[in-house]
């Protein structure tokens, strides 16, 4: 996997990212020998966001189907959140 070295970003700029992404969807960015970031195209980022949303929707549907939900008013919800915050302290 082609990696981007932080120093290449200083010298080559965006060209270093373009070169690293040639033929792959993501490229790690290393700083002082440690991978700190990952770069990807906007298209790949959007795809991953859509996958996250689909997973959240599937999880919500499963919760509804199994009865793991609370039906309450806004006031009741706020009060429940306050109680949860108090118990977490």
PDB file of N, CA and C in Angstrom:
ATOM      1  N   UNK A   1       0.849  -1.176   0.000  1.00  0.00           N
ATOM      2  CA  UNK A   1       0.000   0.000   0.000  1.00  0.00           C
ATOM      3  C   UNK A   1       0.886   1.228   0.000  1.00  0.00           C
ATOM      4  N   UNK A   2       0.688   2.138  -0.962  1.00  0.00           N
ATOM      5  CA  UNK A   2       1.464   3.356  -1.037  1.00  0.00           C
ATOM      6  C   UNK A   2       1.111   4.302   0.083  1.00  0.00           C
ATOM      7  N   UNK A   3       2.118   4.708   0.822  1.00  0.00           N
ATOM      8  CA  UNK A   3       1.898   5.614   1.947  1.00  0.00           C
ATOM      9  C   UNK A   3       2.391   7.005   1.595  1.00  0.00           C
ATOM     10  N   UNK A   4       1.834   7.991   2.270  1.00  0.00           N
ATOM     11  CA  UNK A   4       2.271   9.373   2.134  1.00  0.00           C
ATOM     12  C   UNK A   4       3.102   9.684   3.372  1.00  0.00           C
ATOM     13  N   UNK A   5       4.290  10.171   3.154  1.00  0.00           N
ATOM     14  CA  UNK A   5       5.145  10.591   4.256  1.00  0.00           C
ATOM     15  C   UNK A   5       4.905  12.085   4.461  1.00  0.00           C
ATOM     16  N   UNK A   6       4.792  12.505   5.705  1.00  0.00           N
ATOM     17  CA  UNK A   6       4.473  13.892   6.013  1.00  0.00           C
ATOM     18  C   UNK A   6       5.410  14.858   5.293  1.00  0.00           C
ATOM     19  N   UNK A   7       6.674  14.513   5.202  1.00  0.00           N
ATOM     20  CA  UNK A   7       7.632  15.403   4.534  1.00  0.00           C
ATOM     21  C   UNK A   7       7.301  15.558   3.051  1.00  0.00           C
ATOM     22  N   UNK A   8       6.755  14.485   2.421  1.00  0.00           N
ATOM     23  CA  UNK A   8       6.341  14.581   1.021  1.00  0.00           C
ATOM     24  C   UNK A   8       5.211  15.590   0.857  1.00  0.00           C
ATOM     25  N   UNK A   9       4.361  15.686   1.860  1.00  0.00           N
ATOM     26  CA  UNK A   9       3.281  16.676   1.793  1.00  0.00           C
ATOM     27  C   UNK A   9       3.856  18.086   1.784  1.00  0.00           C
ATOM     28  N   UNK A  10       4.939  18.285   2.520  1.00  0.00           N
ATOM     29  CA  UNK A  10       5.568  19.605   2.547  1.00  0.00           C
ATOM     30  C   UNK A  10       6.206  19.942   1.205  1.00  0.00           C
ATOM     31  N   UNK A  11       6.835  18.953   0.602  1.00  0.00           N
ATOM     32  CA  UNK A  11       7.566  19.230  -0.630  1.00  0.00           C
ATOM     33  C   UNK A  11       6.715  19.101  -1.889  1.00  0.00           C
ATOM     34  N   UNK A  12       5.823  18.115  -1.929  1.00  0.00           N
ATOM     35  CA  UNK A  12       5.032  17.864  -3.132  1.00  0.00           C
ATOM     36  C   UNK A  12       3.598  18.378  -3.049  1.00  0.00           C
ATOM     37  N   UNK A  13       3.118  18.594  -1.841  1.00  0.00           N
ATOM     38  CA  UNK A  13       1.744  19.054  -1.665  1.00  0.00           C
ATOM     39  C   UNK A  13       0.738  17.985  -2.061  1.00  0.00           C
ATOM     40  N   UNK A  14      -0.335  18.428  -2.673  1.00  0.00           N
ATOM     41  CA  UNK A  14      -1.441  17.534  -3.028  1.00  0.00           C
ATOM     42  C   UNK A  14      -1.003  16.441  -4.002  1.00  0.00           C
ATOM     43  N   UNK A  15       0.050  16.700  -4.756  1.00  0.00           N
ATOM     44  CA  UNK A  15       0.572  15.712  -5.705  1.00  0.00           C
ATOM     45  C   UNK A  15       0.979  14.422  -4.974  1.00  0.00           C
ATOM     46  N   UNK A  16       1.502  14.549  -3.762  1.00  0.00           N
ATOM     47  CA  UNK A  16       1.893  13.364  -2.985  1.00  0.00           C
ATOM     48  C   UNK A  16       0.677  12.507  -2.668  1.00  0.00           C
ATOM     49  N   UNK A  17      -0.438  13.149  -2.366  1.00  0.00           N
ATOM     50  CA  UNK A  17      -1.670  12.410  -2.080  1.00  0.00           C
ATOM     51  C   UNK A  17      -2.195  11.757  -3.351  1.00  0.00           C
ATOM     52  N   UNK A  18      -2.206  12.495  -4.432  1.00  0.00           N
ATOM     53  CA  UNK A  18      -2.685  11.944  -5.707  1.00  0.00           C
ATOM     54  C   UNK A  18      -1.875  10.719  -6.111  1.00  0.00           C
ATOM     55  N   UNK A  19      -0.558  10.794  -5.947  1.00  0.00           N
ATOM     56  CA  UNK A  19       0.300   9.663  -6.292  1.00  0.00           C
ATOM     57  C   UNK A  19       0.017   8.464  -5.390  1.00  0.00           C
ATOM     58  N   UNK A  20      -0.183   8.713  -4.103  1.00  0.00           N
ATOM     59  CA  UNK A  20      -0.431   7.620  -3.166  1.00  0.00           C
ATOM     60  C   UNK A  20      -1.776   6.953  -3.430  1.00  0.00           C
ATOM     61  N   UNK A  21      -2.747   7.725  -3.897  1.00  0.00           N
ATOM     62  CA  UNK A  21      -4.075   7.169  -4.146  1.00  0.00           C
ATOM     63  C   UNK A  21      -4.209   6.512  -5.519  1.00  0.00           C
ATOM     64  N   UNK A  22      -3.191   6.634  -6.346  1.00  0.00           N
ATOM     65  CA  UNK A  22      -3.251   6.019  -7.675  1.00  0.00           C
ATOM     66  C   UNK A  22      -3.375   4.503  -7.524  1.00  0.00           C
ATOM     67  N   UNK A  23      -4.497   3.965  -7.961  1.00  0.00           N
ATOM     68  CA  UNK A  23      -4.699   2.520  -7.923  1.00  0.00           C
ATOM     69  C   UNK A  23      -5.171   1.961  -6.590  1.00  0.00           C
ATOM     70  N   UNK A  24      -5.492   2.812  -5.633  1.00  0.00           N
ATOM     71  CA  UNK A  24      -6.005   2.326  -4.350  1.00  0.00           C
ATOM     72  C   UNK A  24      -7.004   3.324  -3.791  1.00  0.00           C
ATOM     73  N   UNK A  25      -7.841   2.859  -2.896  1.00  0.00           N
ATOM     74  CA  UNK A  25      -8.924   3.688  -2.374  1.00  0.00           C
ATOM     75  C   UNK A  25      -8.503   4.577  -1.210  1.00  0.00           C
ATOM     76  N   UNK A  26      -7.518   4.118  -0.443  1.00  0.00           N
ATOM     77  CA  UNK A  26      -7.066   4.844   0.738  1.00  0.00           C
ATOM     78  C   UNK A  26      -5.550   4.783   0.810  1.00  0.00           C
ATOM     79  N   UNK A  27      -4.968   5.781   1.472  1.00  0.00           N
ATOM     80  CA  UNK A  27      -3.517   5.773   1.662  1.00  0.00           C
ATOM     81  C   UNK A  27      -3.192   6.301   3.056  1.00  0.00           C
ATOM     82  N   UNK A  28      -2.356   5.590   3.785  1.00  0.00           N
ATOM     83  CA  UNK A  28      -1.964   6.075   5.117  1.00  0.00           C
ATOM     84  C   UNK A  28      -0.990   7.238   5.002  1.00  0.00           C
ATOM     85  N   UNK A  29      -1.040   8.127   5.982  1.00  0.00           N
ATOM     86  CA  UNK A  29      -0.094   9.240   6.064  1.00  0.00           C
ATOM     87  C   UNK A  29       0.724   9.019   7.325  1.00  0.00           C
ATOM     88  N   UNK A  30       2.024   8.906   7.151  1.00  0.00           N
ATOM     89  CA  UNK A  30       2.880   8.653   8.304  1.00  0.00           C
ATOM     90  C   UNK A  30       3.612   9.930   8.717  1.00  0.00           C
ATOM     91  N   UNK A  31       3.699  10.093  10.026  1.00  0.00           N
ATOM     92  CA  UNK A  31       4.409  11.215  10.621  1.00  0.00           C
ATOM     93  C   UNK A  31       5.443  10.613  11.562  1.00  0.00           C
ATOM     94  N   UNK A  32       6.699  10.903  11.289  1.00  0.00           N
ATOM     95  CA  UNK A  32       7.816  10.352  12.065  1.00  0.00           C
ATOM     96  C   UNK A  32       7.748   8.834  12.167  1.00  0.00           C
ATOM     97  N   UNK A  33       7.382   8.192  11.064  1.00  0.00           N
ATOM     98  CA  UNK A  33       7.360   6.731  11.004  1.00  0.00           C
ATOM     99  C   UNK A  33       6.101   6.072  11.536  1.00  0.00           C
ATOM    100  N   UNK A  34       5.172   6.851  12.051  1.00  0.00           N
ATOM    101  CA  UNK A  34       3.932   6.310  12.593  1.00  0.00           C
ATOM    102  C   UNK A  34       2.750   6.747  11.726  1.00  0.00           C
ATOM    103  N   UNK A  35       1.878   5.805  11.393  1.00  0.00           N
ATOM    104  CA  UNK A  35       0.684   6.159  10.623  1.00  0.00           C
ATOM    105  C   UNK A  35      -0.239   6.959  11.539  1.00  0.00           C
ATOM    106  N   UNK A  36      -0.529   8.192  11.132  1.00  0.00           N
ATOM    107  CA  UNK A  36      -1.367   9.085  11.934  1.00  0.00           C
ATOM    108  C   UNK A  36      -2.700   9.377  11.279  1.00  0.00           C
ATOM    109  N   UNK A  37      -2.744   9.335   9.959  1.00  0.00           N
ATOM    110  CA  UNK A  37      -3.945   9.713   9.221  1.00  0.00           C
ATOM    111  C   UNK A  37      -4.140   8.772   8.034  1.00  0.00           C
ATOM    112  N   UNK A  38      -5.316   8.838   7.462  1.00  0.00           N
ATOM    113  CA  UNK A  38      -5.608   8.122   6.231  1.00  0.00           C
ATOM    114  C   UNK A  38      -6.297   9.097   5.299  1.00  0.00           C
ATOM    115  N   UNK A  39      -5.848   9.144   4.048  1.00  0.00           N
ATOM    116  CA  UNK A  39      -6.481  10.011   3.063  1.00  0.00           C
ATOM    117  C   UNK A  39      -7.221   9.144   2.058  1.00  0.00           C
ATOM    118  N   UNK A  40      -8.287   9.725   1.516  1.00  0.00           N
ATOM    119  CA  UNK A  40      -9.092   9.022   0.517  1.00  0.00           C
ATOM    120  C   UNK A  40      -9.782  10.063  -0.343  1.00  0.00           C
ATOM    121  N   UNK A  41     -10.314   9.613  -1.445  1.00  0.00           N
ATOM    122  CA  UNK A  41     -11.054  10.524  -2.316  1.00  0.00           C
ATOM    123  C   UNK A  41     -12.386  10.873  -1.665  1.00  0.00           C
ATOM    124  N   UNK A  42     -12.970  11.970  -2.117  1.00  0.00           N
ATOM    125  CA  UNK A  42     -14.285  12.363  -1.630  1.00  0.00           C
ATOM    126  C   UNK A  42     -15.309  11.274  -1.934  1.00  0.00           C
ATOM    127  N   UNK A  43     -15.182  10.655  -3.083  1.00  0.00           N
ATOM    128  CA  UNK A  43     -16.102   9.592  -3.476  1.00  0.00           C
ATOM    129  C   UNK A  43     -16.026   8.420  -2.492  1.00  0.00           C
ATOM    130  N   UNK A  44     -14.833   8.013  -2.121  1.00  0.00           N
ATOM    131  CA  UNK A  44     -14.660   6.917  -1.161  1.00  0.00           C
ATOM    132  C   UNK A  44     -15.185   7.324   0.211  1.00  0.00           C
ATOM    133  N   UNK A  45     -14.922   8.553   0.614  1.00  0.00           N
ATOM    134  CA  UNK A  45     -15.412   9.051   1.902  1.00  0.00           C
ATOM    135  C   UNK A  45     -16.936   9.020   1.936  1.00  0.00           C
ATOM    136  N   UNK A  46     -17.569   9.491   0.874  1.00  0.00           N
ATOM    137  CA  UNK A  46     -19.029   9.498   0.796  1.00  0.00           C
ATOM    138  C   UNK A  46     -19.583   8.078   0.868  1.00  0.00           C
ATOM    139  N   UNK A  47     -18.925   7.154   0.194  1.00  0.00           N
ATOM    140  CA  UNK A  47     -19.337   5.748   0.232  1.00  0.00           C
ATOM    141  C   UNK A  47     -19.288   5.212   1.668  1.00  0.00           C
ATOM    142  N   UNK A  48     -18.201   5.504   2.384  1.00  0.00           N
ATOM    143  CA  UNK A  48     -18.075   5.023   3.759  1.00  0.00           C
ATOM    144  C   UNK A  48     -19.133   5.648   4.661  1.00  0.00           C
ATOM    145  N   UNK A  49     -19.434   6.924   4.451  1.00  0.00           N
ATOM    146  CA  UNK A  49     -20.487   7.589   5.238  1.00  0.00           C
ATOM    147  C   UNK A  49     -21.835   6.915   4.984  1.00  0.00           C
ATOM    148  N   UNK A  50     -22.114   6.596   3.735  1.00  0.00           N
ATOM    149  CA  UNK A  50     -23.369   5.921   3.406  1.00  0.00           C
ATOM    150  C   UNK A  50     -23.431   4.543   4.065  1.00  0.00           C
ATOM    151  N   UNK A  51     -22.308   3.845   4.100  1.00  0.00           N
ATOM    152  CA  UNK A  51     -22.263   2.546   4.779  1.00  0.00           C
ATOM    153  C   UNK A  51     -22.560   2.704   6.268  1.00  0.00           C
ATOM    154  N   UNK A  52     -22.009   3.733   6.893  1.00  0.00           N
ATOM    155  CA  UNK A  52     -22.280   3.990   8.307  1.00  0.00           C
ATOM    156  C   UNK A  52     -23.762   4.253   8.541  1.00  0.00           C
ATOM    157  N   UNK A  53     -24.356   5.039   7.664  1.00  0.00           N
ATOM    158  CA  UNK A  53     -25.776   5.344   7.803  1.00  0.00           C
ATOM    159  C   UNK A  53     -26.636   4.098   7.606  1.00  0.00           C
ATOM    160  N   UNK A  54     -26.282   3.264   6.647  1.00  0.00           N
ATOM    161  CA  UNK A  54     -27.018   2.015   6.424  1.00  0.00           C
ATOM    162  C   UNK A  54     -26.899   1.096   7.640  1.00  0.00           C
ATOM    163  N   UNK A  55     -25.713   1.037   8.233  1.00  0.00           N
ATOM    164  CA  UNK A  55     -25.519   0.201   9.426  1.00  0.00           C
ATOM    165  C   UNK A  55     -26.345   0.738  10.593  1.00  0.00           C
ATOM    166  N   UNK A  56     -26.386   2.049  10.758  1.00  0.00           N
ATOM    167  CA  UNK A  56     -27.178   2.649  11.835  1.00  0.00           C
ATOM    168  C   UNK A  56     -28.656   2.374  11.621  1.00  0.00           C
ATOM    169  N   UNK A  57     -29.112   2.461  10.390  1.00  0.00           N
ATOM    170  CA  UNK A  57     -30.513   2.181  10.082  1.00  0.00           C
ATOM    171  C   UNK A  57     -30.855   0.721  10.378  1.00  0.00           C
ATOM    172  N   UNK A  58     -29.982  -0.186   9.991  1.00  0.00           N
ATOM    173  CA  UNK A  58     -30.204  -1.611  10.258  1.00  0.00           C
ATOM    174  C   UNK A  58     -30.249  -1.876  11.762  1.00  0.00           C
ATOM    175  N   UNK A  59     -29.370  -1.232  12.509  1.00  0.00           N
ATOM    176  CA  UNK A  59     -29.354  -1.392  13.964  1.00  0.00           C
ATOM    177  C   UNK A  59     -30.650  -0.860  14.580  1.00  0.00           C
ATOM    178  N   UNK A  60     -31.111   0.283  14.093  1.00  0.00           N
ATOM    179  CA  UNK A  60     -32.362   0.865  14.595  1.00  0.00           C
ATOM    180  C   UNK A  60     -33.551  -0.042  14.296  1.00  0.00           C
ATOM    181  N   UNK A  61     -33.589  -0.590  13.093  1.00  0.00           N
ATOM    182  CA  UNK A  61     -34.670  -1.502  12.737  1.00  0.00           C
ATOM    183  C   UNK A  61     -34.654  -2.746  13.620  1.00  0.00           C
ATOM    184  N   UNK A  62     -33.471  -3.264  13.898  1.00  0.00           N
ATOM    185  CA  UNK A  62     -33.354  -4.437  14.768  1.00  0.00           C
ATOM    186  C   UNK A  62     -33.811  -4.106  16.184  1.00  0.00           C
ATOM    187  N   UNK A  63     -33.458  -2.917  16.671  1.00  0.00           N
ATOM    188  CA  UNK A  63     -33.912  -2.493  17.995  1.00  0.00           C
ATOM    189  C   UNK A  63     -35.434  -2.411  18.046  1.00  0.00           C
ATOM    190  N   UNK A  64     -36.038  -1.825  17.030  1.00  0.00           N
ATOM    191  CA  UNK A  64     -37.495  -1.728  16.979  1.00  0.00           C
ATOM    192  C   UNK A  64     -38.138  -3.116  16.939  1.00  0.00           C
ATOM    193  N   UNK A  65     -37.606  -3.986  16.124  1.00  0.00           N
ATOM    194  CA  UNK A  65     -38.169  -5.322  15.972  1.00  0.00           C
ATOM    195  C   UNK A  65     -38.090  -6.127  17.263  1.00  0.00           C
ATOM    196  N   UNK A  66     -37.053  -5.893  18.061  1.00  0.00           N
ATOM    197  CA  UNK A  66     -36.884  -6.667  19.295  1.00  0.00           C
ATOM    198  C   UNK A  66     -37.426  -5.949  20.524  1.00  0.00           C
ATOM    199  N   UNK A  67     -38.001  -4.773  20.312  1.00  0.00           N
ATOM    200  CA  UNK A  67     -38.597  -4.057  21.438  1.00  0.00           C
ATOM    201  C   UNK A  67     -37.618  -3.264  22.282  1.00  0.00           C
ATOM    202  N   UNK A  68     -36.424  -3.036  21.785  1.00  0.00           N
ATOM    203  CA  UNK A  68     -35.424  -2.264  22.535  1.00  0.00           C
ATOM    204  C   UNK A  68     -35.587  -0.778  22.220  1.00  0.00           C
ATOM    205  N   UNK A  69     -36.652  -0.181  22.735  1.00  0.00           N
ATOM    206  CA  UNK A  69     -36.877   1.246  22.549  1.00  0.00           C
ATOM    207  C   UNK A  69     -37.756   1.758  23.677  1.00  0.00           C
ATOM    208  N   UNK A  70     -37.792   3.071  23.814  1.00  0.00           N
ATOM    209  CA  UNK A  70     -38.601   3.719  24.836  1.00  0.00           C
ATOM    210  C   UNK A  70     -39.534   4.686  24.132  1.00  0.00           C
ATOM    211  N   UNK A  71     -40.788   4.628  24.494  1.00  0.00           N
ATOM    212  CA  UNK A  71     -41.772   5.556  23.943  1.00  0.00           C
ATOM    213  C   UNK A  71     -42.124   6.548  25.048  1.00  0.00           C
ATOM    214  N   UNK A  72     -41.813   7.842  24.810  1.00  0.00           N
ATOM    215  CA  UNK A  72     -42.027   8.848  25.831  1.00  0.00           C
ATOM    216  C   UNK A  72     -42.167  10.225  25.201  1.00  0.00           C
ATOM    217  N   UNK A  73     -42.651  11.166  25.995  1.00  0.00           N
ATOM    218  CA  UNK A  73     -42.771  12.547  25.517  1.00  0.00           C
ATOM    219  C   UNK A  73     -41.399  13.208  25.567  1.00  0.00           C
ATOM    220  N   UNK A  74     -41.321  14.388  24.991  1.00  0.00           N
ATOM    221  CA  UNK A  74     -40.060  15.141  25.022  1.00  0.00           C
ATOM    222  C   UNK A  74     -39.678  15.437  26.467  1.00  0.00           C
ATOM    223  N   UNK A  75     -40.624  15.855  27.264  1.00  0.00           N
ATOM    224  CA  UNK A  75     -40.360  16.165  28.678  1.00  0.00           C
ATOM    225  C   UNK A  75     -39.856  14.938  29.422  1.00  0.00           C
ATOM    226  N   UNK A  76     -40.490  13.809  29.185  1.00  0.00           N
ATOM    227  CA  UNK A  76     -40.058  12.567  29.835  1.00  0.00           C
ATOM    228  C   UNK A  76     -38.645  12.193  29.380  1.00  0.00           C
ATOM    229  N   UNK A  77     -38.363  12.400  28.113  1.00  0.00           N
ATOM    230  CA  UNK A  77     -37.044  12.071  27.571  1.00  0.00           C
ATOM    231  C   UNK A  77     -35.964  12.939  28.219  1.00  0.00           C
ATOM    232  N   UNK A  78     -36.221  14.231  28.313  1.00  0.00           N
ATOM    233  CA  UNK A  78     -35.246  15.140  28.928  1.00  0.00           C
ATOM    234  C   UNK A  78     -35.023  14.759  30.383  1.00  0.00           C
ATOM    235  N   UNK A  79     -36.084  14.449  31.098  1.00  0.00           N
ATOM    236  CA  UNK A  79     -35.948  14.046  32.499  1.00  0.00           C
ATOM    237  C   UNK A  79     -35.139  12.758  32.620  1.00  0.00           C
ATOM    238  N   UNK A  80     -35.382  11.803  31.733  1.00  0.00           N
ATOM    239  CA  UNK A  80     -34.624  10.544  31.757  1.00  0.00           C
ATOM    240  C   UNK A  80     -33.145  10.793  31.490  1.00  0.00           C
ATOM    241  N   UNK A  81     -32.843  11.696  30.555  1.00  0.00           N
ATOM    242  CA  UNK A  81     -31.444  12.031  30.270  1.00  0.00           C
ATOM    243  C   UNK A  81     -30.784  12.686  31.470  1.00  0.00           C
ATOM    244  N   UNK A  82     -31.508  13.551  32.159  1.00  0.00           N
ATOM    245  CA  UNK A  82     -30.957  14.178  33.369  1.00  0.00           C
ATOM    246  C   UNK A  82     -30.630  13.123  34.410  1.00  0.00           C
ATOM    247  N   UNK A  83     -31.527  12.159  34.585  1.00  0.00           N
ATOM    248  CA  UNK A  83     -31.292  11.091  35.548  1.00  0.00           C
ATOM    249  C   UNK A  83     -30.084  10.243  35.154  1.00  0.00           C
ATOM    250  N   UNK A  84     -29.955   9.980  33.867  1.00  0.00           N
ATOM    251  CA  UNK A  84     -28.795   9.217  33.402  1.00  0.00           C
ATOM    252  C   UNK A  84     -27.506   9.980  33.654  1.00  0.00           C
ATOM    253  N   UNK A  85     -27.525  11.287  33.412  1.00  0.00           N
ATOM    254  CA  UNK A  85     -26.335  12.097  33.655  1.00  0.00           C
ATOM    255  C   UNK A  85     -25.981  12.130  35.133  1.00  0.00           C
ATOM    256  N   UNK A  86     -26.986  12.213  36.009  1.00  0.00           N
ATOM    257  CA  UNK A  86     -26.726  12.216  37.443  1.00  0.00           C
ATOM    258  C   UNK A  86     -26.134  10.897  37.904  1.00  0.00           C
ATOM    259  N   UNK A  87     -26.629   9.805  37.360  1.00  0.00           N
ATOM    260  CA  UNK A  87     -26.113   8.493  37.769  1.00  0.00           C
ATOM    261  C   UNK A  87     -24.710   8.231  37.223  1.00  0.00           C
ATOM    262  N   UNK A  88     -24.329   8.948  36.161  1.00  0.00           N
ATOM    263  CA  UNK A  88     -23.000   8.776  35.571  1.00  0.00           C
ATOM    264  C   UNK A  88     -21.937   9.563  36.332  1.00  0.00           C
ATOM    265  N   UNK A  89     -22.347  10.504  37.129  1.00  0.00           N
ATOM    266  CA  UNK A  89     -21.374  11.341  37.869  1.00  0.00           C
ATOM    267  C   UNK A  89     -20.824  10.687  39.061  1.00  0.00           C
TER     268      UNK A  89
END
